[in-house]
PDB file of N, CA and C in Angstrom:
ATOM      1  N   MET A   1     -30.315 175.350 -87.741  1.00  0.00           N
ATOM      2  CA  MET A   1     -29.132 174.548 -87.724  1.00  0.00           C
ATOM      3  C   MET A   1     -27.921 175.471 -87.774  1.00  0.00           C
ATOM      4  N   ALA A   2     -27.027 175.317 -86.850  1.00  0.00           N
ATOM      5  CA  ALA A   2     -25.846 176.183 -86.761  1.00  0.00           C
ATOM      6  C   ALA A   2     -24.745 175.664 -87.675  1.00  0.00           C
ATOM      7  N   LYS A   3     -24.080 176.605 -88.311  1.00  0.00           N
ATOM      8  CA  LYS A   3     -22.948 176.240 -89.164  1.00  0.00           C
ATOM      9  C   LYS A   3     -21.753 175.935 -88.284  1.00  0.00           C
ATOM     10  N   GLN A   4     -21.030 174.909 -88.648  1.00  0.00           N
ATOM     11  CA  GLN A   4     -19.804 174.603 -87.925  1.00  0.00           C
ATOM     12  C   GLN A   4     -18.683 175.454 -88.497  1.00  0.00           C
ATOM     13  N   ALA A   5     -17.890 175.987 -87.615  1.00  0.00           N
ATOM     14  CA  ALA A   5     -16.757 176.794 -88.057  1.00  0.00           C
ATOM     15  C   ALA A   5     -15.715 175.880 -88.684  1.00  0.00           C
ATOM     16  N   ALA A   6     -15.145 176.333 -89.760  1.00  0.00           N
ATOM     17  CA  ALA A   6     -14.091 175.546 -90.409  1.00  0.00           C
ATOM     18  C   ALA A   6     -12.887 175.481 -89.482  1.00  0.00           C
ATOM     19  N   GLU A   7     -12.288 174.316 -89.440  1.00  0.00           N
ATOM     20  CA  GLU A   7     -11.100 174.176 -88.596  1.00  0.00           C
ATOM     21  C   GLU A   7      -9.960 174.968 -89.202  1.00  0.00           C
ATOM     22  N   PRO A   8      -9.247 175.716 -88.359  1.00  0.00           N
ATOM     23  CA  PRO A   8      -8.120 176.486 -88.897  1.00  0.00           C
ATOM     24  C   PRO A   8      -7.019 175.548 -89.370  1.00  0.00           C
ATOM     25  N   GLN A   9      -6.348 175.974 -90.441  1.00  0.00           N
ATOM     26  CA  GLN A   9      -5.230 175.184 -90.939  1.00  0.00           C
ATOM     27  C   GLN A   9      -4.040 175.390 -90.019  1.00  0.00           C
ATOM     28  N   VAL A  10      -3.382 174.304 -89.706  1.00  0.00           N
ATOM     29  CA  VAL A  10      -2.196 174.383 -88.866  1.00  0.00           C
ATOM     30  C   VAL A  10      -0.987 174.259 -89.774  1.00  0.00           C
ATOM     31  N   LEU A  11      -0.168 175.292 -89.772  1.00  0.00           N
ATOM     32  CA  LEU A  11       1.046 175.268 -90.584  1.00  0.00           C
ATOM     33  C   LEU A  11       2.138 174.566 -89.816  1.00  0.00           C
ATOM     34  N   GLU A  12       2.858 173.721 -90.513  1.00  0.00           N
ATOM     35  CA  GLU A  12       3.944 173.008 -89.861  1.00  0.00           C
ATOM     36  C   GLU A  12       5.162 173.912 -89.728  1.00  0.00           C
ATOM     37  N   GLU A  13       5.873 173.715 -88.673  1.00  0.00           N
ATOM     38  CA  GLU A  13       7.128 174.426 -88.478  1.00  0.00           C
ATOM     39  C   GLU A  13       8.138 173.908 -89.497  1.00  0.00           C
ATOM     40  N   PRO A  14       9.026 174.769 -89.990  1.00  0.00           N
ATOM     41  CA  PRO A  14      10.057 174.293 -90.914  1.00  0.00           C
ATOM     42  C   PRO A  14      10.878 173.180 -90.264  1.00  0.00           C
ATOM     43  N   GLY A  15      11.176 172.181 -91.059  1.00  0.00           N
ATOM     44  CA  GLY A  15      12.006 171.088 -90.550  1.00  0.00           C
ATOM     45  C   GLY A  15      11.214 170.032 -89.814  1.00  0.00           C
ATOM     46  N   THR A  16       9.874 170.135 -89.797  1.00  0.00           N
ATOM     47  CA  THR A  16       9.093 169.134 -89.085  1.00  0.00           C
ATOM     48  C   THR A  16       8.494 168.109 -90.035  1.00  0.00           C
ATOM     49  N   GLY A  17       8.932 168.140 -91.304  1.00  0.00           N
ATOM     50  CA  GLY A  17       8.452 167.164 -92.273  1.00  0.00           C
ATOM     51  C   GLY A  17       9.107 165.821 -92.024  1.00  0.00           C
ATOM     52  N   THR A  18       8.762 164.876 -92.857  1.00  0.00           N
ATOM     53  CA  THR A  18       9.385 163.575 -92.722  1.00  0.00           C
ATOM     54  C   THR A  18      10.851 163.677 -93.102  1.00  0.00           C
ATOM     55  N   GLU A  19      11.607 162.646 -92.757  1.00  0.00           N
ATOM     56  CA  GLU A  19      13.039 162.653 -93.093  1.00  0.00           C
ATOM     57  C   GLU A  19      13.253 162.741 -94.588  1.00  0.00           C
ATOM     58  N   ASP A  20      12.407 162.046 -95.369  1.00  0.00           N
ATOM     59  CA  ASP A  20      12.535 162.083 -96.828  1.00  0.00           C
ATOM     60  C   ASP A  20      12.285 163.487 -97.359  1.00  0.00           C
ATOM     61  N   GLU A  21      11.265 164.165 -96.823  1.00  0.00           N
ATOM     62  CA  GLU A  21      10.972 165.526 -97.273  1.00  0.00           C
ATOM     63  C   GLU A  21      12.120 166.461 -96.934  1.00  0.00           C
ATOM     64  N   ASP A  22      12.660 166.340 -95.722  1.00  0.00           N
ATOM     65  CA  ASP A  22      13.776 167.187 -95.324  1.00  0.00           C
ATOM     66  C   ASP A  22      14.994 166.935 -96.204  1.00  0.00           C
ATOM     67  N   GLN A  23      15.259 165.663 -96.503  1.00  0.00           N
ATOM     68  CA  GLN A  23      16.407 165.324 -97.348  1.00  0.00           C
ATOM     69  C   GLN A  23      16.191 165.869 -98.765  1.00  0.00           C
ATOM     70  N   ASN A  24      14.950 165.770 -99.275  1.00  0.00           N
ATOM     71  CA  ASN A  24      14.659 166.300-100.610  1.00  0.00           C
ATOM     72  C   ASN A  24      14.887 167.805-100.670  1.00  0.00           C
ATOM     73  N   ILE A  25      14.530 168.514 -99.604  1.00  0.00           N
ATOM     74  CA  ILE A  25      14.744 169.962 -99.577  1.00  0.00           C
ATOM     75  C   ILE A  25      16.234 170.267 -99.606  1.00  0.00           C
ATOM     76  N   TRP A  26      17.023 169.515 -98.838  1.00  0.00           N
ATOM     77  CA  TRP A  26      18.473 169.743 -98.833  1.00  0.00           C
ATOM     78  C   TRP A  26      19.085 169.387-100.181  1.00  0.00           C
ATOM     79  N   MET A  27      18.593 168.327-100.823  1.00  0.00           N
ATOM     80  CA  MET A  27      19.102 167.961-102.151  1.00  0.00           C
ATOM     81  C   MET A  27      18.735 169.047-103.162  1.00  0.00           C
ATOM     82  N   ARG A  28      17.516 169.569-103.059  1.00  0.00           N
ATOM     83  CA  ARG A  28      17.122 170.659-103.958  1.00  0.00           C
ATOM     84  C   ARG A  28      18.031 171.864-103.742  1.00  0.00           C
ATOM     85  N   GLY A  29      18.338 172.147-102.477  1.00  0.00           N
ATOM     86  CA  GLY A  29      19.250 173.256-102.174  1.00  0.00           C
ATOM     87  C   GLY A  29      20.611 173.049-102.815  1.00  0.00           C
ATOM     88  N   LEU A  30      21.114 171.824-102.773  1.00  0.00           N
ATOM     89  CA  LEU A  30      22.395 171.508-103.403  1.00  0.00           C
ATOM     90  C   LEU A  30      22.311 171.728-104.913  1.00  0.00           C
ATOM     91  N   PHE A  31      21.231 171.242-105.535  1.00  0.00           N
ATOM     92  CA  PHE A  31      21.047 171.454-106.974  1.00  0.00           C
ATOM     93  C   PHE A  31      20.941 172.942-107.296  1.00  0.00           C
ATOM     94  N   MET A  32      20.287 173.710-106.426  1.00  0.00           N
ATOM     95  CA  MET A  32      20.146 175.147-106.655  1.00  0.00           C
ATOM     96  C   MET A  32      21.504 175.845-106.621  1.00  0.00           C
ATOM     97  N   ILE A  33      22.376 175.424-105.713  1.00  0.00           N
ATOM     98  CA  ILE A  33      23.723 176.011-105.641  1.00  0.00           C
ATOM     99  C   ILE A  33      24.520 175.663-106.895  1.00  0.00           C
ATOM    100  N   ILE A  34      24.470 174.394-107.288  1.00  0.00           N
ATOM    101  CA  ILE A  34      25.182 173.962-108.495  1.00  0.00           C
ATOM    102  C   ILE A  34      24.687 174.743-109.712  1.00  0.00           C
ATOM    103  N   LEU A  35      23.368 174.860-109.839  1.00  0.00           N
ATOM    104  CA  LEU A  35      22.801 175.557-110.990  1.00  0.00           C
ATOM    105  C   LEU A  35      23.076 177.059-110.947  1.00  0.00           C
ATOM    106  N   ALA A  36      23.170 177.636-109.765  1.00  0.00           N
ATOM    107  CA  ALA A  36      23.505 179.067-109.667  1.00  0.00           C
ATOM    108  C   ALA A  36      24.916 179.315-110.200  1.00  0.00           C
ATOM    109  N   ILE A  37      25.830 178.415-109.876  1.00  0.00           N
ATOM    110  CA  ILE A  37      27.204 178.528-110.385  1.00  0.00           C
ATOM    111  C   ILE A  37      27.219 178.361-111.903  1.00  0.00           C
ATOM    112  N   LEU A  38      26.508 177.337-112.393  1.00  0.00           N
ATOM    113  CA  LEU A  38      26.450 177.103-113.840  1.00  0.00           C
ATOM    114  C   LEU A  38      25.749 178.251-114.562  1.00  0.00           C
ATOM    115  N   PHE A  39      24.758 178.873-113.916  1.00  0.00           N
ATOM    116  CA  PHE A  39      24.064 180.019-114.505  1.00  0.00           C
ATOM    117  C   PHE A  39      25.050 181.160-114.741  1.00  0.00           C
ATOM    118  N   GLY A  40      25.913 181.409-113.759  1.00  0.00           N
ATOM    119  CA  GLY A  40      26.931 182.449-113.910  1.00  0.00           C
ATOM    120  C   GLY A  40      27.884 182.141-115.055  1.00  0.00           C
ATOM    121  N   LEU A  41      28.289 180.881-115.165  1.00  0.00           N
ATOM    122  CA  LEU A  41      29.148 180.476-116.282  1.00  0.00           C
ATOM    123  C   LEU A  41      28.412 180.642-117.609  1.00  0.00           C
ATOM    124  N   GLY A  42      27.130 180.294-117.620  1.00  0.00           N
ATOM    125  CA  GLY A  42      26.326 180.436-118.831  1.00  0.00           C
ATOM    126  C   GLY A  42      26.219 181.882-119.279  1.00  0.00           C
ATOM    127  N   GLU A  43      26.069 182.788-118.324  1.00  0.00           N
ATOM    128  CA  GLU A  43      26.027 184.215-118.667  1.00  0.00           C
ATOM    129  C   GLU A  43      27.331 184.657-119.323  1.00  0.00           C
ATOM    130  N   THR A  44      28.446 184.153-118.794  1.00  0.00           N
ATOM    131  CA  THR A  44      29.753 184.498-119.350  1.00  0.00           C
ATOM    132  C   THR A  44      29.890 183.960-120.770  1.00  0.00           C
ATOM    133  N   VAL A  45      29.501 182.717-120.981  1.00  0.00           N
ATOM    134  CA  VAL A  45      29.569 182.107-122.312  1.00  0.00           C
ATOM    135  C   VAL A  45      28.671 182.875-123.288  1.00  0.00           C
ATOM    136  N   LEU A  46      27.485 183.264-122.823  1.00  0.00           N
ATOM    137  CA  LEU A  46      26.573 184.027-123.674  1.00  0.00           C
ATOM    138  C   LEU A  46      27.174 185.386-124.051  1.00  0.00           C
ATOM    139  N   ALA A  47      27.819 186.040-123.100  1.00  0.00           N
ATOM    140  CA  ALA A  47      28.457 187.334-123.381  1.00  0.00           C
ATOM    141  C   ALA A  47      29.590 187.178-124.390  1.00  0.00           C
ATOM    142  N   ILE A  48      30.385 186.132-124.238  1.00  0.00           N
ATOM    143  CA  ILE A  48      31.473 185.872-125.196  1.00  0.00           C
ATOM    144  C   ILE A  48      30.897 185.606-126.589  1.00  0.00           C
ATOM    145  N   GLY A  49      29.830 184.810-126.644  1.00  0.00           N
ATOM    146  CA  GLY A  49      29.184 184.545-127.923  1.00  0.00           C
ATOM    147  C   GLY A  49      28.644 185.809-128.569  1.00  0.00           C
ATOM    148  N   ALA A  50      28.102 186.707-127.748  1.00  0.00           N
ATOM    149  CA  ALA A  50      27.572 187.972-128.275  1.00  0.00           C
ATOM    150  C   ALA A  50      28.696 188.831-128.862  1.00  0.00           C
ATOM    151  N   VAL A  51      29.838 188.877-128.183  1.00  0.00           N
ATOM    152  CA  VAL A  51      30.976 189.652-128.683  1.00  0.00           C
ATOM    153  C   VAL A  51      31.489 189.052-129.992  1.00  0.00           C
ATOM    154  N   ILE A  52      31.623 187.723-130.026  1.00  0.00           N
ATOM    155  CA  ILE A  52      32.083 187.058-131.256  1.00  0.00           C
ATOM    156  C   ILE A  52      31.100 187.309-132.396  1.00  0.00           C
ATOM    157  N   GLN A  53      29.802 187.223-132.095  1.00  0.00           N
ATOM    158  CA  GLN A  53      28.785 187.467-133.125  1.00  0.00           C
ATOM    159  C   GLN A  53      28.882 188.898-133.650  1.00  0.00           C
ATOM    160  N   PHE A  54      29.087 189.855-132.745  1.00  0.00           N
ATOM    161  CA  PHE A  54      29.212 191.259-133.150  1.00  0.00           C
ATOM    162  C   PHE A  54      30.410 191.450-134.074  1.00  0.00           C
ATOM    163  N   ILE A  55      31.547 190.890-133.684  1.00  0.00           N
ATOM    164  CA  ILE A  55      32.756 191.001-134.517  1.00  0.00           C
ATOM    165  C   ILE A  55      32.527 190.329-135.866  1.00  0.00           C
ATOM    166  N   TRP A  56      31.897 189.163-135.856  1.00  0.00           N
ATOM    167  CA  TRP A  56      31.599 188.447-137.095  1.00  0.00           C
ATOM    168  C   TRP A  56      30.745 189.310-138.018  1.00  0.00           C
ATOM    169  N   MET A  57      29.732 189.951-137.427  1.00  0.00           N
ATOM    170  CA  MET A  57      28.842 190.786-138.232  1.00  0.00           C
ATOM    171  C   MET A  57      29.559 192.020-138.777  1.00  0.00           C
ATOM    172  N   LEU A  58      30.503 192.571-137.998  1.00  0.00           N
ATOM    173  CA  LEU A  58      31.294 193.703-138.490  1.00  0.00           C
ATOM    174  C   LEU A  58      32.147 193.303-139.682  1.00  0.00           C
ATOM    175  N   VAL A  59      32.778 192.140-139.572  1.00  0.00           N
ATOM    176  CA  VAL A  59      33.713 191.686-140.602  1.00  0.00           C
ATOM    177  C   VAL A  59      32.980 191.143-141.824  1.00  0.00           C
ATOM    178  N   LYS A  60      32.009 190.263-141.622  1.00  0.00           N
ATOM    179  CA  LYS A  60      31.340 189.575-142.723  1.00  0.00           C
ATOM    180  C   LYS A  60      30.076 190.279-143.215  1.00  0.00           C
ATOM    181  N   GLY A  61      29.492 191.129-142.378  1.00  0.00           N
ATOM    182  CA  GLY A  61      28.263 191.810-142.782  1.00  0.00           C
ATOM    183  C   GLY A  61      27.016 190.970-142.636  1.00  0.00           C
ATOM    184  N   GLU A  62      27.129 189.803-142.031  1.00  0.00           N
ATOM    185  CA  GLU A  62      25.973 188.931-141.797  1.00  0.00           C
ATOM    186  C   GLU A  62      26.180 188.173-140.499  1.00  0.00           C
ATOM    187  N   LYS A  63      25.096 187.638-139.963  1.00  0.00           N
ATOM    188  CA  LYS A  63      25.228 186.918-138.695  1.00  0.00           C
ATOM    189  C   LYS A  63      25.725 185.498-138.929  1.00  0.00           C
ATOM    190  N   ASN A  64      26.375 184.967-137.916  1.00  0.00           N
ATOM    191  CA  ASN A  64      26.844 183.583-137.929  1.00  0.00           C
ATOM    192  C   ASN A  64      25.712 182.735-137.361  1.00  0.00           C
ATOM    193  N   GLN A  65      25.086 181.917-138.197  1.00  0.00           N
ATOM    194  CA  GLN A  65      23.902 181.157-137.786  1.00  0.00           C
ATOM    195  C   GLN A  65      24.176 180.168-136.642  1.00  0.00           C
ATOM    196  N   PRO A  66      25.302 179.434-136.641  1.00  0.00           N
ATOM    197  CA  PRO A  66      25.554 178.542-135.506  1.00  0.00           C
ATOM    198  C   PRO A  66      25.644 179.293-134.163  1.00  0.00           C
ATOM    199  N   ILE A  67      26.228 180.482-134.170  1.00  0.00           N
ATOM    200  CA  ILE A  67      26.293 181.264-132.933  1.00  0.00           C
ATOM    201  C   ILE A  67      24.889 181.718-132.535  1.00  0.00           C
ATOM    202  N   ALA A  68      24.085 182.131-133.505  1.00  0.00           N
ATOM    203  CA  ALA A  68      22.711 182.552-133.224  1.00  0.00           C
ATOM    204  C   ALA A  68      21.892 181.387-132.664  1.00  0.00           C
ATOM    205  N   ASP A  69      22.061 180.200-133.249  1.00  0.00           N
ATOM    206  CA  ASP A  69      21.343 179.016-132.762  1.00  0.00           C
ATOM    207  C   ASP A  69      21.776 178.664-131.339  1.00  0.00           C
ATOM    208  N   PHE A  70      23.080 178.721-131.093  1.00  0.00           N
ATOM    209  CA  PHE A  70      23.575 178.440-129.747  1.00  0.00           C
ATOM    210  C   PHE A  70      23.019 179.453-128.743  1.00  0.00           C
ATOM    211  N   GLY A  71      22.951 180.725-129.142  1.00  0.00           N
ATOM    212  CA  GLY A  71      22.400 181.752-128.266  1.00  0.00           C
ATOM    213  C   GLY A  71      20.951 181.475-127.901  1.00  0.00           C
ATOM    214  N   GLU A  72      20.191 180.969-128.861  1.00  0.00           N
ATOM    215  CA  GLU A  72      18.792 180.629-128.599  1.00  0.00           C
ATOM    216  C   GLU A  72      18.698 179.471-127.607  1.00  0.00           C
ATOM    217  N   GLU A  73      19.548 178.455-127.805  1.00  0.00           N
ATOM    218  CA  GLU A  73      19.556 177.317-126.881  1.00  0.00           C
ATOM    219  C   GLU A  73      20.008 177.739-125.485  1.00  0.00           C
ATOM    220  N   MET A  74      20.990 178.641-125.421  1.00  0.00           N
ATOM    221  CA  MET A  74      21.480 179.125-124.132  1.00  0.00           C
ATOM    222  C   MET A  74      20.388 179.916-123.415  1.00  0.00           C
ATOM    223  N   ALA A  75      19.653 180.734-124.159  1.00  0.00           N
ATOM    224  CA  ALA A  75      18.556 181.502-123.566  1.00  0.00           C
ATOM    225  C   ALA A  75      17.493 180.567-122.999  1.00  0.00           C
ATOM    226  N   ASP A  76      17.185 179.500-123.731  1.00  0.00           N
ATOM    227  CA  ASP A  76      16.221 178.504-123.243  1.00  0.00           C
ATOM    228  C   ASP A  76      16.725 177.857-121.965  1.00  0.00           C
ATOM    229  N   TRP A  77      18.007 177.498-121.925  1.00  0.00           N
ATOM    230  CA  TRP A  77      18.584 176.863-120.733  1.00  0.00           C
ATOM    231  C   TRP A  77      18.549 177.814-119.537  1.00  0.00           C
ATOM    232  N   LEU A  78      18.922 179.078-119.752  1.00  0.00           N
ATOM    233  CA  LEU A  78      18.893 180.052-118.659  1.00  0.00           C
ATOM    234  C   LEU A  78      17.472 180.218-118.115  1.00  0.00           C
ATOM    235  N   ALA A  79      16.486 180.196-118.995  1.00  0.00           N
ATOM    236  CA  ALA A  79      15.089 180.286-118.558  1.00  0.00           C
ATOM    237  C   ALA A  79      14.692 179.069-117.737  1.00  0.00           C
ATOM    238  N   ARG A  80      15.129 177.873-118.160  1.00  0.00           N
ATOM    239  CA  ARG A  80      14.822 176.651-117.391  1.00  0.00           C
ATOM    240  C   ARG A  80      15.456 176.704-116.000  1.00  0.00           C
ATOM    241  N   VAL A  81      16.694 177.184-115.939  1.00  0.00           N
ATOM    242  CA  VAL A  81      17.363 177.315-114.640  1.00  0.00           C
ATOM    243  C   VAL A  81      16.583 178.279-113.752  1.00  0.00           C
ATOM    244  N   ALA A  82      16.173 179.401-114.316  1.00  0.00           N
ATOM    245  CA  ALA A  82      15.421 180.390-113.540  1.00  0.00           C
ATOM    246  C   ALA A  82      14.114 179.797-113.011  1.00  0.00           C
ATOM    247  N   ARG A  83      13.429 179.003-113.836  1.00  0.00           N
ATOM    248  CA  ARG A  83      12.184 178.378-113.379  1.00  0.00           C
ATOM    249  C   ARG A  83      12.440 177.392-112.244  1.00  0.00           C
ATOM    250  N   PHE A  84      13.529 176.618-112.335  1.00  0.00           N
ATOM    251  CA  PHE A  84      13.843 175.680-111.259  1.00  0.00           C
ATOM    252  C   PHE A  84      14.247 176.434-109.993  1.00  0.00           C
ATOM    253  N   GLN A  85      15.070 177.462-110.135  1.00  0.00           N
ATOM    254  CA  GLN A  85      15.557 178.226-108.983  1.00  0.00           C
ATOM    255  C   GLN A  85      14.411 178.885-108.215  1.00  0.00           C
ATOM    256  N   THR A  86      13.402 179.339-108.929  1.00  0.00           N
ATOM    257  CA  THR A  86      12.301 180.042-108.269  1.00  0.00           C
ATOM    258  C   THR A  86      11.179 179.107-107.828  1.00  0.00           C
ATOM    259  N   GLY A  87      11.325 177.820-108.085  1.00  0.00           N
ATOM    260  CA  GLY A  87      10.327 176.855-107.646  1.00  0.00           C
ATOM    261  C   GLY A  87       9.142 176.713-108.580  1.00  0.00           C
ATOM    262  N   SER A  88       9.225 177.275-109.775  1.00  0.00           N
ATOM    263  CA  SER A  88       8.123 177.144-110.733  1.00  0.00           C
ATOM    264  C   SER A  88       7.999 175.720-111.256  1.00  0.00           C
ATOM    265  N   THR A  89       9.107 174.995-111.227  1.00  0.00           N
ATOM    266  CA  THR A  89       9.110 173.620-111.718  1.00  0.00           C
ATOM    267  C   THR A  89      10.071 172.787-110.883  1.00  0.00           C
ATOM    268  N   GLU A  90       9.848 171.498-110.904  1.00  0.00           N
ATOM    269  CA  GLU A  90      10.755 170.561-110.230  1.00  0.00           C
ATOM    270  C   GLU A  90      11.712 169.914-111.228  1.00  0.00           C
ATOM    271  N   GLU A  91      11.523 170.217-112.522  1.00  0.00           N
ATOM    272  CA  GLU A  91      12.370 169.629-113.558  1.00  0.00           C
ATOM    273  C   GLU A  91      13.723 170.331-113.596  1.00  0.00           C
ATOM    274  N   LYS A  92      14.767 169.549-113.347  1.00  0.00           N
ATOM    275  CA  LYS A  92      16.119 170.109-113.364  1.00  0.00           C
ATOM    276  C   LYS A  92      16.596 170.227-114.815  1.00  0.00           C
ATOM    277  N   PRO A  93      17.235 171.357-115.157  1.00  0.00           N
ATOM    278  CA  PRO A  93      17.738 171.530-116.521  1.00  0.00           C
ATOM    279  C   PRO A  93      19.072 170.810-116.721  1.00  0.00           C
ATOM    280  N   PHE A  94      19.637 170.926-117.931  1.00  0.00           N
ATOM    281  CA  PHE A  94      20.952 170.376-118.234  1.00  0.00           C
ATOM    282  C   PHE A  94      21.939 170.855-117.168  1.00  0.00           C
ATOM    283  N   PRO A  95      22.780 170.047-116.629  1.00  0.00           N
ATOM    284  CA  PRO A  95      23.258 168.751-117.077  1.00  0.00           C
ATOM    285  C   PRO A  95      22.475 167.569-116.510  1.00  0.00           C
ATOM    286  N   PHE A  96      21.342 167.840-115.884  1.00  0.00           N
ATOM    287  CA  PHE A  96      20.536 166.765-115.311  1.00  0.00           C
ATOM    288  C   PHE A  96      19.523 166.224-116.301  1.00  0.00           C
ATOM    289  N   THR A  97      19.295 166.944-117.393  1.00  0.00           N
ATOM    290  CA  THR A  97      18.442 166.493-118.491  1.00  0.00           C
ATOM    291  C   THR A  97      19.163 166.798-119.800  1.00  0.00           C
ATOM    292  N   LYS A  98      18.525 166.457-120.892  1.00  0.00           N
ATOM    293  CA  LYS A  98      19.100 166.653-122.228  1.00  0.00           C
ATOM    294  C   LYS A  98      19.201 168.139-122.564  1.00  0.00           C
ATOM    295  N   TRP A  99      20.266 168.525-123.277  1.00  0.00           N
ATOM    296  CA  TRP A  99      20.460 169.896-123.742  1.00  0.00           C
ATOM    297  C   TRP A  99      19.538 170.135-124.926  1.00  0.00           C
ATOM    298  N   GLY A 100      19.059 171.325-125.073  1.00  0.00           N
ATOM    299  CA  GLY A 100      18.251 171.698-126.225  1.00  0.00           C
ATOM    300  C   GLY A 100      16.839 172.058-125.817  1.00  0.00           C
ATOM    301  N   PRO A 101      16.039 172.444-126.803  1.00  0.00           N
ATOM    302  CA  PRO A 101      14.673 172.877-126.507  1.00  0.00           C
ATOM    303  C   PRO A 101      13.834 171.754-125.918  1.00  0.00           C
ATOM    304  N   GLU A 102      12.871 172.160-125.085  1.00  0.00           N
ATOM    305  CA  GLU A 102      11.973 171.179-124.497  1.00  0.00           C
ATOM    306  C   GLU A 102      11.087 170.587-125.585  1.00  0.00           C
ATOM    307  N   GLU A 103      10.828 169.292-125.466  1.00  0.00           N
ATOM    308  CA  GLU A 103       9.943 168.640-126.437  1.00  0.00           C
ATOM    309  C   GLU A 103       8.513 168.791-125.957  1.00  0.00           C
ATOM    310  N   ALA A 104       7.640 169.175-126.869  1.00  0.00           N
ATOM    311  CA  ALA A 104       6.226 169.400-126.500  1.00  0.00           C
ATOM    312  C   ALA A 104       5.457 168.125-126.412  1.00  0.00           C
TER     313      ALA A 104
END
């Protein structure tokens, strides 16, 4: 008995999906642009927080816990943005979902 050769997979040309799929890709692209801009702003806010924390520690000799907590939340948000941008997840981060750590 002869083995049948597996049929080769045919890859679709870009843009040959359904209209809904094409629209979803363009919407994702729009979200990616928005999040890239917000990511840059987030980096700036994080840098400002780091400078303020450093000055606080110089003056007071201890860390400012609210700034440290905010830094942790910002790091989590930046990681979520990176996962969405690279296609690891379809879940959009804040401002499209709630701010703060992910609930398990």
